[in-house]
Protein backbone atom coordinates (compact mmCIF):
# COMPACT_ATOMS: atom_id res chain seq x y z
CA UNK A 1 11.50 39.77 -48.78
CA UNK A 2 8.21 39.94 -46.96
CA UNK A 3 5.69 37.17 -47.60
CA UNK A 4 3.55 37.97 -44.58
CA UNK A 5 0.15 36.28 -44.96
CA UNK A 6 0.81 35.51 -48.63
CA UNK A 7 -0.47 32.11 -49.73
CA UNK A 8 1.94 30.00 -51.79
CA UNK A 9 1.50 26.53 -53.28
CA UNK A 10 4.68 24.43 -53.35
CA UNK A 11 4.38 21.17 -55.27
CA UNK A 12 7.09 18.69 -54.38
CA UNK A 13 7.30 20.57 -51.12
CA UNK A 14 8.21 17.53 -49.02
CA UNK A 15 11.33 16.77 -51.10
CA UNK A 16 14.84 18.13 -50.64
CA UNK A 17 14.48 21.34 -52.66
CA UNK A 18 10.83 21.69 -51.67
CA UNK A 19 11.67 21.57 -47.98
CA UNK A 20 14.29 24.28 -48.46
CA UNK A 21 11.75 26.45 -50.32
CA UNK A 22 9.07 25.95 -47.68
CA UNK A 23 11.59 26.73 -44.92
CA UNK A 24 12.55 30.00 -46.60
CA UNK A 25 8.91 30.94 -47.25
CA UNK A 26 7.92 30.28 -43.65
CA UNK A 27 10.83 32.40 -42.42
CA UNK A 28 9.51 35.19 -44.66
CA UNK A 29 5.99 34.89 -43.23
CA UNK A 30 4.17 32.91 -45.94
CA UNK A 31 1.35 30.40 -45.64
CA UNK A 32 2.40 27.29 -47.58
CA UNK A 33 0.05 24.81 -49.25
CA UNK A 34 1.88 21.55 -49.93
CA UNK A 35 0.16 18.81 -51.97
CA UNK A 36 1.68 15.34 -51.69
CA UNK A 37 1.09 11.68 -52.48
CA UNK A 38 3.95 9.97 -50.62
CA UNK A 39 2.86 9.52 -47.01
CA UNK A 40 6.35 8.58 -45.82
CA UNK A 41 7.89 11.81 -47.09
CA UNK A 42 5.03 13.74 -45.52
CA UNK A 43 5.64 12.06 -42.18
CA UNK A 44 9.33 13.06 -42.36
CA UNK A 45 8.52 16.62 -43.44
CA UNK A 46 10.07 18.89 -40.78
CA UNK A 47 7.31 21.52 -41.02
CA UNK A 48 4.44 19.08 -40.65
CA UNK A 49 3.13 20.63 -37.43
CA UNK A 50 3.52 24.27 -38.45
CA UNK A 51 0.21 26.14 -38.36
CA UNK A 52 1.16 28.01 -41.54
CA UNK A 53 1.67 24.78 -43.49
CA UNK A 54 -1.37 23.19 -45.12
CA UNK A 55 -0.52 19.65 -46.20
CA UNK A 56 -2.85 18.34 -48.91
CA UNK A 57 -2.88 14.55 -49.04
CA UNK A 58 -3.47 12.37 -52.08
CA UNK A 59 -3.14 15.06 -54.74
CA UNK A 60 -2.16 13.45 -58.05
CA UNK A 61 -0.68 16.34 -60.04
CA UNK A 62 -1.41 14.58 -63.32
CA UNK A 63 -5.14 14.50 -62.54
CA UNK A 64 -6.80 17.67 -63.77
CA UNK A 65 -9.76 17.48 -61.39
CA UNK A 66 -7.52 16.85 -58.39
CA UNK A 67 -5.23 19.75 -59.24
CA UNK A 68 -8.25 22.03 -59.71
CA UNK A 69 -9.60 21.09 -56.28
CA UNK A 70 -6.27 21.90 -54.66
CA UNK A 71 -6.00 25.37 -56.18
CA UNK A 72 -9.72 26.18 -56.01
CA UNK A 73 -9.52 25.92 -52.23
CA UNK A 74 -7.16 28.91 -52.04
CA UNK A 75 -9.03 32.19 -52.45
CA UNK A 76 -6.03 34.53 -52.24
CA UNK A 77 -3.21 32.66 -53.96
CA UNK A 78 -0.14 34.81 -54.47
CA UNK A 79 2.41 32.35 -55.88
CA UNK A 80 2.82 28.81 -57.11
CA UNK A 81 6.18 27.05 -57.10
CA UNK A 82 6.20 23.86 -59.15
CA UNK A 83 9.02 21.60 -58.01
CA UNK A 84 7.36 18.19 -58.30
CA UNK A 85 8.83 15.99 -61.01
CA UNK A 86 10.86 12.90 -61.70
CA UNK A 87 14.03 11.66 -63.35
CA UNK A 88 14.91 8.60 -65.36
CA UNK A 89 18.07 7.60 -67.20
CA UNK A 90 17.94 5.53 -70.36
CA UNK A 91 18.87 5.92 -74.03
CA UNK A 92 16.06 6.36 -76.51
CA UNK A 93 16.70 2.91 -77.97
CA UNK A 94 15.79 1.41 -74.59
CA UNK A 95 12.94 3.78 -73.65
CA UNK A 96 9.52 2.81 -74.94
CA UNK A 97 6.38 4.93 -75.17
CA UNK A 98 5.45 4.04 -71.62
CA UNK A 99 8.76 5.41 -70.36
CA UNK A 100 8.38 8.57 -72.40
CA UNK A 101 4.82 9.16 -71.22
CA UNK A 102 5.89 8.63 -67.61
CA UNK A 103 8.43 11.46 -67.93
CA UNK A 104 5.98 13.71 -69.77
CA UNK A 105 3.27 13.14 -67.16
CA UNK A 106 5.58 13.54 -64.19
CA UNK A 107 7.36 16.66 -65.42
CA UNK A 108 5.44 18.46 -68.16
CA UNK A 109 1.79 17.51 -67.63
CA UNK A 110 1.92 18.11 -63.87
CA UNK A 111 3.53 21.52 -64.41
CA UNK A 112 1.05 22.43 -67.16
CA UNK A 113 -2.00 21.55 -65.05
CA UNK A 114 -0.66 23.35 -61.99
CA UNK A 115 0.19 26.44 -64.02
CA UNK A 116 -3.32 26.51 -65.44
CA UNK A 117 -4.93 26.11 -62.04
CA UNK A 118 -2.66 28.76 -60.54
CA UNK A 119 -3.46 31.27 -63.28
CA UNK A 120 -7.20 30.73 -62.85
CA UNK A 121 -6.90 31.19 -59.08
CA UNK A 122 -4.91 34.41 -59.53
CA UNK A 123 -7.34 35.77 -62.10
CA UNK A 124 -10.22 35.22 -59.66
CA UNK A 125 -8.79 37.68 -57.14
CA UNK A 126 -7.33 39.99 -59.79
CA UNK A 127 -4.22 41.00 -57.86
CA UNK A 128 -1.63 39.32 -60.05
CA UNK A 129 0.84 36.79 -58.75
CA UNK A 130 3.96 34.78 -59.45
CA UNK A 131 4.66 31.33 -60.88
CA UNK A 132 8.04 29.63 -60.68
CA UNK A 133 8.65 26.34 -62.48
CA UNK A 134 11.66 24.03 -62.29
CA UNK A 135 13.25 23.02 -65.57
CA UNK A 136 16.69 21.38 -65.83
CA UNK A 137 20.05 22.09 -67.41
CA UNK A 138 19.32 19.48 -70.07
CA UNK A 139 16.28 21.53 -71.13
CA UNK A 140 18.44 24.45 -72.26
CA UNK A 141 21.55 22.43 -73.16
CA UNK A 142 19.95 19.40 -74.85
CA UNK A 143 23.23 17.76 -75.85
CA UNK A 144 23.92 17.19 -72.15
CA UNK A 145 20.74 15.09 -72.10
CA UNK A 146 22.20 12.22 -74.09
CA UNK A 147 21.30 9.00 -72.30
CA UNK A 148 18.24 10.58 -70.73
CA UNK A 149 16.34 11.74 -73.80
CA UNK A 150 12.81 11.29 -72.44
CA UNK A 151 13.67 13.29 -69.32
CA UNK A 152 15.33 15.98 -71.42
CA UNK A 153 12.31 16.31 -73.72
CA UNK A 154 9.94 16.60 -70.77
CA UNK A 155 11.98 19.34 -69.11
CA UNK A 156 12.40 21.16 -72.42
CA UNK A 157 8.63 21.26 -72.49
CA UNK A 158 8.62 22.90 -69.05
CA UNK A 159 11.04 25.54 -70.33
CA UNK A 160 8.91 26.28 -73.41
CA UNK A 161 5.73 26.34 -71.31
CA UNK A 162 7.33 28.88 -68.99
CA UNK A 163 8.33 31.26 -71.78
CA UNK A 164 5.00 31.04 -73.60
CA UNK A 165 2.87 31.43 -70.47
CA UNK A 166 4.94 34.37 -69.28
CA UNK A 167 3.95 36.29 -72.39
CA UNK A 168 0.34 35.13 -72.15
CA UNK A 169 -0.39 36.41 -68.63
CA UNK A 170 1.89 39.40 -68.13
CA UNK A 171 -0.97 41.84 -68.77
CA UNK A 172 -2.80 40.28 -65.80
CA UNK A 173 0.12 41.08 -63.50
CA UNK A 174 1.31 37.46 -63.32
CA UNK A 175 5.05 36.95 -63.78
CA UNK A 176 6.15 33.45 -64.80
CA UNK A 177 9.75 32.24 -64.62
CA UNK A 178 11.70 29.02 -64.16
CA UNK A 179 14.89 28.04 -62.41
CA UNK A 180 17.20 25.72 -64.29
CA UNK A 181 19.25 23.60 -61.87
CA UNK A 182 22.18 21.40 -62.62
CA UNK A 183 22.79 18.51 -60.22
CA UNK A 184 21.88 19.78 -56.76
CA UNK A 185 23.61 18.79 -53.55
CA UNK A 186 21.11 16.37 -52.02
CA UNK A 187 21.49 13.19 -50.05
CA UNK A 188 20.08 11.14 -52.92
CA UNK A 189 22.45 12.66 -55.47
CA UNK A 190 25.44 12.05 -53.21
CA UNK A 191 24.44 8.41 -52.90
CA UNK A 192 24.09 8.12 -56.67
CA UNK A 193 27.45 9.82 -57.39
CA UNK A 194 29.75 9.08 -54.44
CA UNK A 195 32.91 10.27 -56.23
CA UNK A 196 31.58 13.62 -57.44
CA UNK A 197 32.83 17.02 -56.32
CA UNK A 198 29.96 18.00 -54.05
CA UNK A 199 31.42 21.44 -53.39
CA UNK A 200 30.68 22.42 -56.99
CA UNK A 201 27.00 21.50 -56.76
CA UNK A 202 24.46 24.20 -55.91
CA UNK A 203 22.95 23.76 -52.45
CA UNK A 204 19.19 23.46 -52.19
CA UNK A 205 19.09 26.50 -49.92
CA UNK A 206 20.85 28.55 -52.62
CA UNK A 207 18.39 27.44 -55.29
CA UNK A 208 15.54 28.15 -52.88
CA UNK A 209 16.79 31.72 -52.42
CA UNK A 210 16.56 32.30 -56.17
CA UNK A 211 13.04 30.84 -56.26
CA UNK A 212 12.01 33.02 -53.34
CA UNK A 213 13.04 36.18 -55.16
CA UNK A 214 11.31 35.23 -58.42
CA UNK A 215 8.10 34.44 -56.51
CA UNK A 216 8.16 37.63 -54.48
CA UNK A 217 6.50 41.01 -54.95
CA UNK A 218 10.03 42.47 -55.05
CA UNK A 219 10.37 40.86 -58.48
CA UNK A 220 8.59 43.44 -60.62
CA UNK A 221 10.22 42.97 -64.02
CA UNK A 222 11.63 39.47 -64.50
CA UNK A 223 9.39 37.23 -66.58
CA UNK A 224 9.89 34.44 -69.08
CA UNK A 225 13.37 33.86 -67.70
CA UNK A 226 15.11 30.49 -67.48
CA UNK A 227 17.43 31.26 -64.60
CA UNK A 228 20.44 28.98 -64.38
CA UNK A 229 21.32 27.83 -60.86
CA UNK A 230 24.36 25.71 -61.65
CA UNK A 231 26.73 26.65 -58.88
CA UNK A 232 30.19 25.71 -60.16
CA UNK A 233 29.08 22.43 -61.71
């Protein structure tokens, strides 16, 4: 896949999956725009000094004006990959409105605002584009979300947003899809589940490869898909 000189926004780009996606995009020739709020993760980001990486500091993805400024600064946006999000355990009986709203803001609202800004940017240049969101297994298999109901509801919203938006913008040449990971093999997840079978978990590089295809010009027909990337888990 050739991304030469194509501009791609990657939210959550300094995290584990985000770093793998940015690495793959850079290898394919892309210019990556990476908004972030956590300065420590940005300092550790291995591509920090790359001339084809544009780090955007202090971008709150739940702030509509801030998101608009980030995307408005990219005149020839080809793709937007929305990885940024959060996770929280907790049964509904112990999760108040504040906890629910935190999950909705972190996962659904941020994705919604970024999708809107990406679509507007793509419509400005009129050459189409690609959007890839990140849902979760619990979004399409809600019974597996017991004990994390607020998280499950927020990711189900991302899945529904993806399917609806895909139909809305297909006539403008914009293809919208989402990957649906199970537990990915990251350092943080290994720490949280030290007795798990890590070999069964999908690797972030494998998930990144799926994202790269969906966001590429080689993808000409896939839209509105919730693509499972479960590995053997």
